[in-house]
Amino acid sequence: MNWPELQNVLTSLTEREVLDLLEDERRNARRSTFIIRLHQRFTTLRMLRERAELMREIDDTARTSETGRGRNRRARR
């Protein structure tokens, strides 16, 4: 894969696919610019996933809270 091909396909790949490409690049071609770009995309996808998980956790906690403090705080703002 060359640089234009990587750039064209990168935004359509899943977190797992990007990680697989990153691991393959580390084992084989070892091109630093590719490794940096793949790592950048991987960490962005991971951050988005983790943030979504955190937000779901907050929403679930607010809904199941007996005191309802999470909802009241939002209402007061």
N, C-alpha and C. Protein backbone atom coordinates (compact mmCIF):
# COMPACT_ATOMS: atom_id res chain seq x y z
N MET A 1 0.84 -1.17 0.00
CA MET A 1 0.00 0.00 0.00
C MET A 1 0.90 1.24 0.00
N ASN A 2 0.51 2.23 -0.81
CA ASN A 2 1.26 3.47 -0.82
C ASN A 2 0.49 4.55 -0.04
N TRP A 3 1.11 5.74 0.08
CA TRP A 3 0.52 6.80 0.91
C TRP A 3 -0.87 7.24 0.43
N PRO A 4 -1.07 7.53 -0.86
CA PRO A 4 -2.42 7.92 -1.30
C PRO A 4 -3.47 6.83 -1.04
N GLU A 5 -3.11 5.58 -1.22
CA GLU A 5 -4.05 4.49 -0.94
C GLU A 5 -4.40 4.44 0.55
N LEU A 6 -3.39 4.61 1.40
CA LEU A 6 -3.63 4.62 2.84
C LEU A 6 -4.59 5.75 3.20
N GLN A 7 -4.32 6.94 2.70
CA GLN A 7 -5.16 8.09 3.02
C GLN A 7 -6.60 7.89 2.54
N ASN A 8 -6.77 7.26 1.38
CA ASN A 8 -8.11 7.04 0.84
C ASN A 8 -8.92 6.04 1.65
N VAL A 9 -8.28 5.03 2.18
CA VAL A 9 -8.99 3.96 2.87
C VAL A 9 -9.10 4.18 4.38
N LEU A 10 -8.24 4.97 4.93
CA LEU A 10 -8.11 5.07 6.38
C LEU A 10 -9.39 5.48 7.09
N THR A 11 -10.11 6.42 6.56
CA THR A 11 -11.32 6.90 7.25
C THR A 11 -12.47 5.90 7.23
N SER A 12 -12.39 4.88 6.39
CA SER A 12 -13.47 3.90 6.32
C SER A 12 -13.18 2.65 7.15
N LEU A 13 -12.01 2.58 7.78
CA LEU A 13 -11.63 1.39 8.54
C LEU A 13 -12.10 1.46 9.98
N THR A 14 -12.36 0.29 10.54
CA THR A 14 -12.73 0.20 11.95
C THR A 14 -11.48 0.29 12.83
N GLU A 15 -11.71 0.46 14.11
CA GLU A 15 -10.60 0.52 15.06
C GLU A 15 -9.74 -0.75 14.96
N ARG A 16 -10.37 -1.90 14.89
CA ARG A 16 -9.65 -3.17 14.81
C ARG A 16 -8.84 -3.26 13.52
N GLU A 17 -9.42 -2.83 12.40
CA GLU A 17 -8.72 -2.88 11.12
C GLU A 17 -7.50 -1.96 11.12
N VAL A 18 -7.64 -0.77 11.71
CA VAL A 18 -6.51 0.15 11.78
C VAL A 18 -5.42 -0.44 12.66
N LEU A 19 -5.80 -1.03 13.78
CA LEU A 19 -4.81 -1.65 14.66
C LEU A 19 -4.10 -2.80 13.96
N ASP A 20 -4.83 -3.58 13.19
CA ASP A 20 -4.20 -4.67 12.42
C ASP A 20 -3.18 -4.13 11.42
N LEU A 21 -3.56 -3.05 10.72
CA LEU A 21 -2.63 -2.43 9.78
C LEU A 21 -1.39 -1.89 10.50
N LEU A 22 -1.61 -1.27 11.64
CA LEU A 22 -0.50 -0.73 12.43
C LEU A 22 0.45 -1.85 12.86
N GLU A 23 -0.10 -2.93 13.36
CA GLU A 23 0.74 -4.06 13.78
C GLU A 23 1.48 -4.66 12.60
N ASP A 24 0.81 -4.77 11.47
CA ASP A 24 1.46 -5.31 10.27
C ASP A 24 2.60 -4.39 9.81
N GLU A 25 2.36 -3.09 9.85
CA GLU A 25 3.39 -2.12 9.45
C GLU A 25 4.59 -2.21 10.39
N ARG A 26 4.34 -2.38 11.66
CA ARG A 26 5.44 -2.49 12.64
C ARG A 26 6.28 -3.74 12.41
N ARG A 27 5.62 -4.82 12.00
CA ARG A 27 6.33 -6.09 11.77
C ARG A 27 7.04 -6.14 10.43
N ASN A 28 6.50 -5.48 9.44
CA ASN A 28 7.00 -5.68 8.08
C ASN A 28 7.69 -4.45 7.49
N ALA A 29 6.93 -3.56 6.89
CA ALA A 29 7.53 -2.44 6.15
C ALA A 29 8.26 -1.44 7.04
N ARG A 30 7.74 -1.19 8.23
CA ARG A 30 8.38 -0.32 9.22
C ARG A 30 8.62 1.11 8.72
N ARG A 31 7.65 1.66 7.98
CA ARG A 31 7.73 3.04 7.50
C ARG A 31 7.22 3.97 8.59
N SER A 32 8.09 4.84 9.05
CA SER A 32 7.74 5.68 10.20
C SER A 32 6.54 6.57 9.93
N THR A 33 6.44 7.14 8.76
CA THR A 33 5.29 8.01 8.48
C THR A 33 3.98 7.23 8.48
N PHE A 34 4.01 6.00 8.00
CA PHE A 34 2.81 5.16 8.03
C PHE A 34 2.46 4.79 9.46
N ILE A 35 3.46 4.43 10.24
CA ILE A 35 3.22 4.05 11.64
C ILE A 35 2.62 5.23 12.40
N ILE A 36 3.16 6.41 12.20
CA ILE A 36 2.64 7.59 12.89
C ILE A 36 1.20 7.86 12.48
N ARG A 37 0.92 7.81 11.18
CA ARG A 37 -0.45 8.08 10.70
C ARG A 37 -1.42 7.03 11.18
N LEU A 38 -1.04 5.77 11.12
CA LEU A 38 -1.92 4.70 11.60
C LEU A 38 -2.16 4.81 13.10
N HIS A 39 -1.13 5.14 13.84
CA HIS A 39 -1.29 5.30 15.29
C HIS A 39 -2.20 6.49 15.59
N GLN A 40 -2.03 7.58 14.84
CA GLN A 40 -2.88 8.75 15.02
C GLN A 40 -4.35 8.39 14.79
N ARG A 41 -4.63 7.68 13.72
CA ARG A 41 -6.01 7.29 13.43
C ARG A 41 -6.54 6.31 14.47
N PHE A 42 -5.71 5.35 14.87
CA PHE A 42 -6.13 4.38 15.88
C PHE A 42 -6.49 5.07 17.19
N THR A 43 -5.65 5.99 17.64
CA THR A 43 -5.93 6.65 18.92
C THR A 43 -7.17 7.55 18.83
N THR A 44 -7.42 8.12 17.67
CA THR A 44 -8.64 8.91 17.49
C THR A 44 -9.87 8.02 17.59
N LEU A 45 -9.84 6.88 16.92
CA LEU A 45 -10.97 5.96 16.97
C LEU A 45 -11.17 5.41 18.38
N ARG A 46 -10.08 5.09 19.06
CA ARG A 46 -10.16 4.59 20.44
C ARG A 46 -10.75 5.66 21.35
N MET A 47 -10.31 6.89 21.21
CA MET A 47 -10.82 7.98 22.02
C MET A 47 -12.32 8.16 21.81
N LEU A 48 -12.76 8.12 20.56
CA LEU A 48 -14.19 8.27 20.28
C LEU A 48 -15.00 7.13 20.90
N ARG A 49 -14.49 5.90 20.81
CA ARG A 49 -15.18 4.76 21.42
C ARG A 49 -15.23 4.90 22.93
N GLU A 50 -14.10 5.22 23.55
CA GLU A 50 -14.05 5.34 25.00
C GLU A 50 -14.94 6.48 25.50
N ARG A 51 -14.96 7.58 24.78
CA ARG A 51 -15.81 8.70 25.17
C ARG A 51 -17.28 8.31 25.09
N ALA A 52 -17.65 7.60 24.04
CA ALA A 52 -19.04 7.14 23.91
C ALA A 52 -19.40 6.20 25.06
N GLU A 53 -18.47 5.32 25.44
CA GLU A 53 -18.70 4.42 26.57
C GLU A 53 -18.89 5.21 27.87
N LEU A 54 -18.07 6.23 28.08
CA LEU A 54 -18.20 7.07 29.27
C LEU A 54 -19.54 7.79 29.30
N MET A 55 -19.95 8.31 28.18
CA MET A 55 -21.23 9.02 28.13
C MET A 55 -22.40 8.09 28.38
N ARG A 56 -22.33 6.87 27.84
CA ARG A 56 -23.39 5.89 28.11
C ARG A 56 -23.43 5.55 29.59
N GLU A 57 -22.24 5.40 30.19
CA GLU A 57 -22.17 5.09 31.62
C GLU A 57 -22.78 6.22 32.45
N ILE A 58 -22.48 7.45 32.10
CA ILE A 58 -23.04 8.59 32.82
C ILE A 58 -24.55 8.62 32.66
N ASP A 59 -25.03 8.42 31.44
CA ASP A 59 -26.47 8.42 31.20
C ASP A 59 -27.16 7.31 31.97
N ASP A 60 -26.57 6.11 31.98
CA ASP A 60 -27.15 4.98 32.72
C ASP A 60 -27.17 5.26 34.21
N THR A 61 -26.10 5.85 34.73
CA THR A 61 -26.01 6.16 36.16
C THR A 61 -27.04 7.21 36.53
N ALA A 62 -27.19 8.22 35.71
CA ALA A 62 -28.16 9.28 35.99
C ALA A 62 -29.58 8.74 36.00
N ARG A 63 -29.88 7.81 35.10
CA ARG A 63 -31.23 7.24 35.03
C ARG A 63 -31.54 6.33 36.20
N THR A 64 -30.52 5.63 36.70
CA THR A 64 -30.76 4.65 37.76
C THR A 64 -30.50 5.22 39.15
N SER A 65 -30.06 6.46 39.23
CA SER A 65 -29.76 7.09 40.51
C SER A 65 -31.04 7.25 41.33
N GLU A 66 -30.99 6.81 42.57
CA GLU A 66 -32.16 6.94 43.45
C GLU A 66 -32.38 8.39 43.87
N THR A 67 -31.31 9.15 44.04
CA THR A 67 -31.45 10.52 44.48
C THR A 67 -31.73 11.46 43.33
N GLY A 68 -31.35 11.09 42.14
CA GLY A 68 -31.58 11.93 40.98
C GLY A 68 -30.70 13.15 40.91
N ARG A 69 -29.60 13.14 41.67
CA ARG A 69 -28.72 14.31 41.69
C ARG A 69 -28.16 14.64 40.31
N GLY A 70 -27.87 13.64 39.51
CA GLY A 70 -27.31 13.91 38.18
C GLY A 70 -28.26 14.73 37.32
N ARG A 71 -29.57 14.41 37.40
CA ARG A 71 -30.54 15.16 36.61
C ARG A 71 -30.75 16.55 37.19
N ASN A 72 -30.77 16.67 38.50
CA ASN A 72 -30.99 17.98 39.12
C ASN A 72 -29.86 18.94 38.82
N ARG A 73 -28.66 18.47 38.79
CA ARG A 73 -27.52 19.33 38.47
C ARG A 73 -27.67 19.92 37.08
N ARG A 74 -28.08 19.11 36.15
CA ARG A 74 -28.26 19.59 34.79
C ARG A 74 -29.38 20.62 34.73
N ALA A 75 -30.45 20.38 35.46
CA ALA A 75 -31.61 21.27 35.42
C ALA A 75 -31.26 22.63 36.02
N ARG A 76 -30.37 22.68 37.00
CA ARG A 76 -30.02 23.94 37.64
C ARG A 76 -29.14 24.81 36.77
N ARG A 77 -28.44 24.27 35.82
CA ARG A 77 -27.51 25.05 35.00
C ARG A 77 -28.20 25.96 34.04
